[in-house]
Amino acid sequence: MHILHVSYSSKPVDGGISTSVAQLVDYQRLTIAGQVGWIRLDELGPSSIFHYVFLLLKLKPDILHIHGLWRYPTRLNSLYRLFNIRVVISPHGMLHPEALKASWLRKRVSFILFERPLFLPGHILHALNAFESSCIRSLLPQAHVITIPNGVLIRSRSNQDCREFLSLPPDSKILLYFGRYHPGKNITQLAESWMSTSHLIDPNWWLVFVGYGDTSLLACCDGRQNTRIRRFGPFFGEDKHIILSSVNAFVLPSAFEALPMSALEAMSYSLPCLLTDQCNMSFAFKANAAYRVDQNSLSGDLLKFFAMKSDEHLDMGDRAFSLVSSDYAWPRIASLFFSAYRSILAHP
């Protein structure tokens, strides 16, 4: 079997897609008897569409797995059908109602002209969870939709500590936001809620933002003293591993998500996670492996979380690790995709 993945980039500019695709490709290369390739559009140069078509015709994959929408790989349905290339499309949340509101006219025109014809019988749409599946079916009632979650890389914790290179006191406890600085993540509200309640929280606790994007969203922190907030740009690789290994809790107060890689990663490090319902991780709440917060009561929810005993935080983190290591580890997720690929090839 020859599988070819296509996404925009392997860099953070592509958000969680870059991480999920990179890890999926790695595990498929370990477990699938065949060839697994990955095309990143931003590496193809100024004539990228011609380069893409050339690679497609040269490689002749059995399965083309397209990650994301609104770019030319989802506009070449006639080519795929002409060369009998079976297609799996992973929108990665791009058909979420909130995501469709941004540049809605351009997306609507593109959907009618290009994306909708691609979602015809013979191709598979991949949803990350039941909510995304319902979003897809509301637009495409006849679509063949499979539901497979993102996977997560399970690693042993680092023995190093991030407090020194984050300039934090050695005895500090860290509530971490790690991700894009984007309005949909509600990080301005998180910062304001923290500043209004930090004087009521154990003074050893600090709120740390690590990420990239629109840093003006955290301008509310400028000039504020004694609020125990730190802001940083992105960290990658081993630095990211050290940070996740040594913080004490994770927070993601998003207004909408498909299935956030950052939260799954945090859970794989046994971190108690403060999540909104809009993170679409109800499975974590059901297992008491995450702490529910609400955008409309964030200040009060923070105070309730920090009123819990440290043992309760540790127990929640342990349940989080058990959950993701059993149900969301990449070997299992890669196997589910392999079964889906075999199914599509078995039904021409």
Protein backbone atom coordinates (compact mmCIF):
# COMPACT_ATOMS: atom_id res chain seq x y z
CA MET A 1 0.00 0.00 0.00
CA HIS A 2 1.29 3.45 -0.94
CA ILE A 3 -0.06 6.30 1.23
CA LEU A 4 0.69 9.94 0.51
CA HIS A 5 -0.17 12.64 3.05
CA VAL A 6 -0.62 16.26 2.00
CA SER A 7 -0.74 19.26 4.33
CA TYR A 8 0.24 22.89 4.16
CA SER A 9 3.32 22.85 6.38
CA SER A 10 5.33 20.93 8.94
CA LYS A 11 5.89 24.20 10.83
CA PRO A 12 3.78 25.70 13.65
CA VAL A 13 2.10 28.01 11.11
CA ASP A 14 -0.18 25.04 10.40
CA GLY A 15 -1.21 24.77 14.05
CA GLY A 16 -1.90 21.35 15.52
CA ILE A 17 -2.17 19.86 12.02
CA SER A 18 1.62 19.92 11.64
CA THR A 19 2.15 17.96 14.86
CA SER A 20 -0.60 15.42 14.26
CA VAL A 21 0.42 14.71 10.65
CA ALA A 22 4.12 14.41 11.51
CA GLN A 23 3.44 11.91 14.28
CA LEU A 24 0.89 9.95 12.20
CA VAL A 25 3.38 9.65 9.34
CA ASP A 26 6.11 8.47 11.72
CA TYR A 27 3.95 5.69 13.16
CA GLN A 28 2.58 4.62 9.80
CA ARG A 29 6.12 4.25 8.50
CA LEU A 30 6.83 1.94 11.43
CA THR A 31 3.71 -0.17 11.12
CA ILE A 32 2.54 -0.25 7.50
CA ALA A 33 4.07 -2.59 4.95
CA GLY A 34 4.42 -0.17 2.07
CA GLN A 35 5.39 3.39 1.34
CA VAL A 36 4.24 6.40 3.36
CA GLY A 37 5.07 9.87 2.03
CA TRP A 38 4.30 13.43 3.07
CA ILE A 39 4.05 16.51 0.83
CA ARG A 40 4.22 19.93 2.52
CA LEU A 41 2.85 22.57 0.16
CA ASP A 42 4.97 25.40 1.55
CA GLU A 43 8.12 23.52 0.52
CA LEU A 44 7.18 23.15 -3.15
CA GLY A 45 8.27 26.58 -4.34
CA PRO A 46 6.55 29.30 -6.40
CA SER A 47 5.08 26.86 -8.96
CA SER A 48 3.78 24.64 -6.19
CA ILE A 49 0.60 23.46 -7.92
CA PHE A 50 2.57 22.15 -10.91
CA HIS A 51 5.15 20.58 -8.62
CA TYR A 52 2.34 18.97 -6.64
CA VAL A 53 0.70 17.50 -9.74
CA PHE A 54 4.09 16.26 -10.97
CA LEU A 55 4.76 14.50 -7.65
CA LEU A 56 1.30 13.03 -7.62
CA LEU A 57 1.65 11.54 -11.09
CA LYS A 58 5.16 10.36 -10.35
CA LEU A 59 4.37 8.71 -7.01
CA LYS A 60 0.93 7.33 -7.96
CA PRO A 61 -0.30 6.68 -4.41
CA ASP A 62 -3.07 4.23 -3.63
CA ILE A 63 -4.38 6.57 -0.93
CA LEU A 64 -4.06 10.36 -0.92
CA HIS A 65 -4.72 11.70 2.58
CA ILE A 66 -5.37 15.46 2.44
CA HIS A 67 -5.18 17.40 5.71
CA GLY A 68 -7.06 20.71 5.76
CA LEU A 69 -9.25 22.50 3.23
CA TRP A 70 -9.37 25.64 1.09
CA ARG A 71 -6.19 25.00 -0.93
CA TYR A 72 -5.58 23.47 -4.34
CA PRO A 73 -5.22 19.83 -3.18
CA THR A 74 -8.99 19.87 -2.50
CA ARG A 75 -9.65 21.45 -5.92
CA LEU A 76 -8.26 18.71 -8.16
CA ASN A 77 -10.99 16.11 -7.86
CA SER A 78 -11.08 15.47 -11.62
CA LEU A 79 -7.38 14.62 -11.59
CA TYR A 80 -7.78 12.18 -8.71
CA ARG A 81 -10.64 10.42 -10.44
CA LEU A 82 -8.84 10.32 -13.77
CA PHE A 83 -5.89 8.49 -12.20
CA ASN A 84 -8.03 6.39 -9.83
CA ILE A 85 -6.46 7.87 -6.67
CA ARG A 86 -8.60 7.23 -3.62
CA VAL A 87 -8.84 10.21 -1.29
CA VAL A 88 -9.24 10.68 2.46
CA ILE A 89 -9.91 14.26 3.58
CA SER A 90 -9.30 15.41 7.17
CA PRO A 91 -10.82 18.91 7.65
CA HIS A 92 -9.19 19.23 11.11
CA GLY A 93 -12.00 21.44 12.36
CA MET A 94 -12.24 23.64 9.25
CA LEU A 95 -15.95 22.76 8.79
CA HIS A 96 -16.75 23.81 12.36
CA PRO A 97 -19.48 26.53 12.29
CA GLU A 98 -17.20 29.03 14.04
CA ALA A 99 -14.32 28.32 11.64
CA LEU A 100 -16.63 28.86 8.65
CA LYS A 101 -17.53 32.36 9.86
CA ALA A 102 -14.02 33.64 9.05
CA SER A 103 -13.85 34.67 5.36
CA TRP A 104 -17.26 33.03 5.02
CA LEU A 105 -18.01 34.25 1.48
CA ARG A 106 -14.70 32.99 0.06
CA LYS A 107 -15.14 29.67 1.84
CA ARG A 108 -18.75 29.28 0.67
CA VAL A 109 -17.78 29.86 -2.96
CA SER A 110 -14.82 27.50 -2.64
CA PHE A 111 -16.99 24.86 -0.97
CA ILE A 112 -19.63 24.95 -3.70
CA LEU A 113 -17.13 24.92 -6.56
CA PHE A 114 -14.40 22.65 -5.24
CA GLU A 115 -14.77 20.98 -1.85
CA ARG A 116 -18.33 19.66 -2.18
CA PRO A 117 -17.66 17.80 -5.46
CA LEU A 118 -14.66 16.16 -3.79
CA PHE A 119 -16.88 14.74 -1.07
CA LEU A 120 -18.62 12.35 -3.45
CA PRO A 121 -18.99 8.58 -3.00
CA GLY A 122 -15.64 6.85 -3.25
CA HIS A 123 -13.79 9.29 -1.01
CA ILE A 124 -13.76 9.33 2.80
CA LEU A 125 -14.14 12.28 5.15
CA HIS A 126 -12.34 11.94 8.44
CA ALA A 127 -13.80 13.51 11.59
CA LEU A 128 -11.86 13.81 14.84
CA ASN A 129 -14.89 13.25 17.07
CA ALA A 130 -18.69 12.95 17.08
CA PHE A 131 -19.17 16.72 17.08
CA GLU A 132 -17.04 17.24 13.97
CA SER A 133 -18.83 14.32 12.33
CA SER A 134 -22.17 16.05 12.97
CA CYS A 135 -20.81 19.31 11.52
CA ILE A 136 -19.74 17.48 8.36
CA ARG A 137 -23.03 15.61 8.00
CA SER A 138 -25.02 18.82 8.38
CA LEU A 139 -23.26 20.12 5.26
CA LEU A 140 -22.88 16.81 3.43
CA PRO A 141 -25.60 14.37 4.50
CA GLN A 142 -24.49 11.70 2.02
CA ALA A 143 -20.79 11.84 2.84
CA HIS A 144 -18.89 8.73 3.96
CA VAL A 145 -17.55 9.87 7.34
CA ILE A 146 -15.22 7.95 9.64
CA THR A 147 -14.40 9.12 13.17
CA ILE A 148 -10.84 8.67 14.42
CA PRO A 149 -9.29 10.97 17.05
CA ASN A 150 -5.89 12.58 17.01
CA GLY A 151 -3.16 10.52 18.57
CA VAL A 152 -0.57 11.52 21.09
CA LEU A 153 3.09 10.68 21.55
CA ILE A 154 3.76 9.00 24.91
CA ARG A 155 7.16 9.98 26.31
CA SER A 156 8.91 9.59 29.64
CA ARG A 157 9.15 12.86 31.51
CA SER A 158 12.35 14.86 31.34
CA ASN A 159 14.41 15.15 34.53
CA GLN A 160 15.22 18.77 33.71
CA ASP A 161 13.23 21.71 35.03
CA CYS A 162 11.92 24.64 33.01
CA ARG A 163 11.84 27.17 35.85
CA GLU A 164 15.37 28.40 35.34
CA PHE A 165 15.04 29.25 31.64
CA LEU A 166 11.55 30.66 32.23
CA SER A 167 12.95 32.87 35.03
CA LEU A 168 10.54 31.56 37.64
CA PRO A 169 11.19 30.88 41.34
CA PRO A 170 12.45 27.32 41.93
CA ASP A 171 9.50 26.54 44.23
CA SER A 172 6.85 27.95 41.91
CA LYS A 173 3.88 26.01 40.57
CA ILE A 174 2.95 26.61 36.95
CA LEU A 175 -0.41 26.77 35.19
CA LEU A 176 0.53 26.58 31.51
CA TYR A 177 -1.15 27.83 28.36
CA PHE A 178 0.72 26.38 25.37
CA GLY A 179 -0.52 27.10 21.85
CA ARG A 180 -1.49 29.78 19.37
CA TYR A 181 -2.20 33.33 20.47
CA HIS A 182 -5.56 33.53 18.71
CA PRO A 183 -8.89 35.16 19.68
CA GLY A 184 -10.65 31.80 19.58
CA LYS A 185 -8.45 30.55 22.42
CA ASN A 186 -9.84 33.18 24.85
CA ILE A 187 -6.39 33.97 26.20
CA THR A 188 -7.25 37.63 26.88
CA GLN A 189 -10.12 36.51 29.08
CA LEU A 190 -7.84 33.98 30.77
CA ALA A 191 -5.25 36.65 31.57
CA GLU A 192 -7.89 39.07 32.88
CA SER A 193 -9.52 36.37 35.00
CA TRP A 194 -6.15 35.45 36.46
CA MET A 195 -5.29 39.06 37.27
CA SER A 196 -8.61 39.55 39.04
CA THR A 197 -8.19 36.44 41.19
CA SER A 198 -4.43 35.87 41.60
CA HIS A 199 -4.39 37.60 45.00
CA LEU A 200 -6.77 34.86 46.23
CA ILE A 201 -4.65 32.02 44.86
CA ASP A 202 -1.66 30.36 46.53
CA PRO A 203 1.22 32.81 45.77
CA ASN A 204 3.40 29.95 44.55
CA TRP A 205 1.18 29.55 41.49
CA TRP A 206 2.11 31.37 38.25
CA LEU A 207 0.27 31.59 34.93
CA VAL A 208 2.64 31.06 32.00
CA PHE A 209 1.75 31.67 28.35
CA VAL A 210 3.91 29.97 25.72
CA GLY A 211 3.01 30.35 22.06
CA TYR A 212 3.02 32.29 18.84
CA GLY A 213 0.60 34.48 16.92
CA ASP A 214 -1.13 37.71 17.94
CA THR A 215 0.77 38.83 21.04
CA SER A 216 -1.45 41.93 21.29
CA LEU A 217 -4.10 39.65 22.80
CA LEU A 218 -2.03 39.70 25.99
CA ALA A 219 -1.54 43.47 26.04
CA CYS A 220 -3.82 43.59 29.09
CA CYS A 221 -0.88 42.26 31.11
CA ASP A 222 1.39 45.19 30.24
CA GLY A 223 2.40 47.29 33.20
CA ARG A 224 0.61 45.09 35.69
CA GLN A 225 2.66 44.19 38.74
CA ASN A 226 2.39 41.30 41.20
CA THR A 227 0.06 39.27 38.99
CA ARG A 228 2.47 36.34 38.56
CA ILE A 229 2.13 36.09 34.78
CA ARG A 230 4.90 35.28 32.33
CA ARG A 231 4.63 35.44 28.52
CA PHE A 232 6.94 33.75 26.04
CA GLY A 233 7.26 33.01 22.39
CA PRO A 234 7.16 29.43 21.12
CA PHE A 235 9.35 26.60 22.35
CA PHE A 236 9.93 23.45 20.33
CA GLY A 237 11.58 20.06 20.58
CA GLU A 238 13.41 19.33 23.81
CA ASP A 239 12.55 22.71 25.36
CA LYS A 240 8.84 21.98 24.87
CA HIS A 241 9.36 18.51 26.36
CA ILE A 242 11.07 19.98 29.43
CA ILE A 243 8.27 22.54 29.92
CA LEU A 244 5.50 19.94 29.71
CA SER A 245 7.48 17.64 31.99
CA SER A 246 7.86 20.16 34.78
CA VAL A 247 4.71 22.34 34.91
CA ASN A 248 1.84 21.51 37.26
CA ALA A 249 -1.34 22.09 35.25
CA PHE A 250 -2.51 23.06 31.76
CA VAL A 251 -5.31 25.38 30.64
CA LEU A 252 -7.11 25.79 27.31
CA PRO A 253 -10.21 28.03 27.58
CA SER A 254 -11.07 27.89 23.86
CA ALA A 255 -14.29 29.07 22.26
CA PHE A 256 -14.05 26.26 19.69
CA GLU A 257 -11.74 23.36 18.88
CA ALA A 258 -11.90 20.18 16.84
CA LEU A 259 -9.72 18.00 19.07
CA PRO A 260 -6.82 20.02 20.49
CA MET A 261 -3.42 18.36 20.20
CA SER A 262 -2.06 20.61 22.93
CA ALA A 263 -4.54 19.25 25.48
CA LEU A 264 -3.91 15.63 24.50
CA GLU A 265 -0.17 16.25 24.82
CA ALA A 266 -0.63 17.84 28.24
CA MET A 267 -2.65 14.83 29.41
CA SER A 268 0.11 12.51 28.21
CA TYR A 269 2.39 14.27 30.71
CA SER A 270 -0.06 13.52 33.56
CA LEU A 271 -1.14 17.15 33.83
CA PRO A 272 -4.54 18.13 35.20
CA CYS A 273 -6.12 20.12 32.37
CA LEU A 274 -8.60 22.99 32.66
CA LEU A 275 -10.75 22.78 29.52
CA THR A 276 -13.98 24.25 28.18
CA ASP A 277 -16.76 22.13 26.72
CA GLN A 278 -15.85 23.71 23.39
CA CYS A 279 -12.57 21.74 23.42
CA ASN A 280 -14.73 18.71 22.50
CA MET A 281 -13.07 16.47 25.07
CA SER A 282 -16.15 15.29 26.95
CA PHE A 283 -14.46 11.89 27.29
CA ALA A 284 -11.94 13.50 29.65
CA PHE A 285 -14.66 14.99 31.85
CA LYS A 286 -16.51 11.66 31.98
CA ALA A 287 -13.33 9.96 33.20
CA ASN A 288 -12.70 12.75 35.74
CA ALA A 289 -9.44 13.26 33.87
CA ALA A 290 -9.90 16.99 33.25
CA TYR A 291 -11.43 19.99 34.99
CA ARG A 292 -14.32 21.78 33.27
CA VAL A 293 -14.18 25.58 33.03
CA ASP A 294 -16.63 27.93 31.33
CA GLN A 295 -15.88 31.06 29.36
CA ASN A 296 -18.58 32.91 31.31
CA SER A 297 -17.38 31.94 34.78
CA LEU A 298 -13.64 31.59 34.27
CA SER A 299 -12.59 33.59 37.32
CA GLY A 300 -14.73 31.53 39.66
CA ASP A 301 -13.68 28.28 37.99
CA LEU A 302 -10.02 29.14 38.49
CA LEU A 303 -10.61 29.78 42.19
CA LYS A 304 -12.42 26.43 42.56
CA PHE A 305 -9.60 24.57 40.82
CA PHE A 306 -6.95 26.12 43.04
CA ALA A 307 -9.04 25.40 46.13
CA MET A 308 -8.62 21.68 45.39
CA LYS A 309 -5.97 19.71 47.25
CA SER A 310 -2.72 18.98 45.46
CA ASP A 311 -3.47 15.25 45.72
CA GLU A 312 -6.68 15.82 43.78
CA HIS A 313 -4.68 17.53 41.01
CA LEU A 314 -2.22 14.64 40.93
CA ASP A 315 -5.00 12.05 40.79
CA MET A 316 -6.64 13.90 37.90
CA GLY A 317 -3.33 13.99 36.05
CA ASP A 318 -2.84 10.26 36.60
CA ARG A 319 -6.30 9.55 35.17
CA ALA A 320 -5.49 11.78 32.20
CA PHE A 321 -2.34 9.80 31.46
CA SER A 322 -4.14 6.47 31.75
CA LEU A 323 -6.85 7.66 29.39
CA VAL A 324 -4.66 8.96 26.59
CA SER A 325 -2.08 6.19 26.83
CA SER A 326 -4.77 3.54 26.39
CA ASP A 327 -7.13 5.20 23.88
CA TYR A 328 -5.13 7.91 22.11
CA ALA A 329 -1.60 6.55 21.69
CA TRP A 330 -0.39 6.72 18.10
CA PRO A 331 0.07 2.97 17.52
CA ARG A 332 -3.67 2.48 18.09
CA ILE A 333 -4.68 5.53 16.04
CA ALA A 334 -2.36 4.59 13.16
CA SER A 335 -3.92 1.12 13.15
CA LEU A 336 -7.41 2.63 12.88
CA PHE A 337 -6.34 4.67 9.86
CA PHE A 338 -4.80 1.61 8.25
CA SER A 339 -8.13 -0.22 8.60
CA ALA A 340 -9.91 2.74 7.00
CA TYR A 341 -7.45 2.77 4.09
CA ARG A 342 -7.94 -0.95 3.50
CA SER A 343 -11.70 -0.45 3.55
CA ILE A 344 -11.64 2.27 0.90
CA LEU A 345 -9.39 0.19 -1.37
CA ALA A 346 -11.63 -2.85 -0.96
CA HIS A 347 -14.67 -0.96 -2.30
CA PRO A 348 -13.84 0.60 -5.67
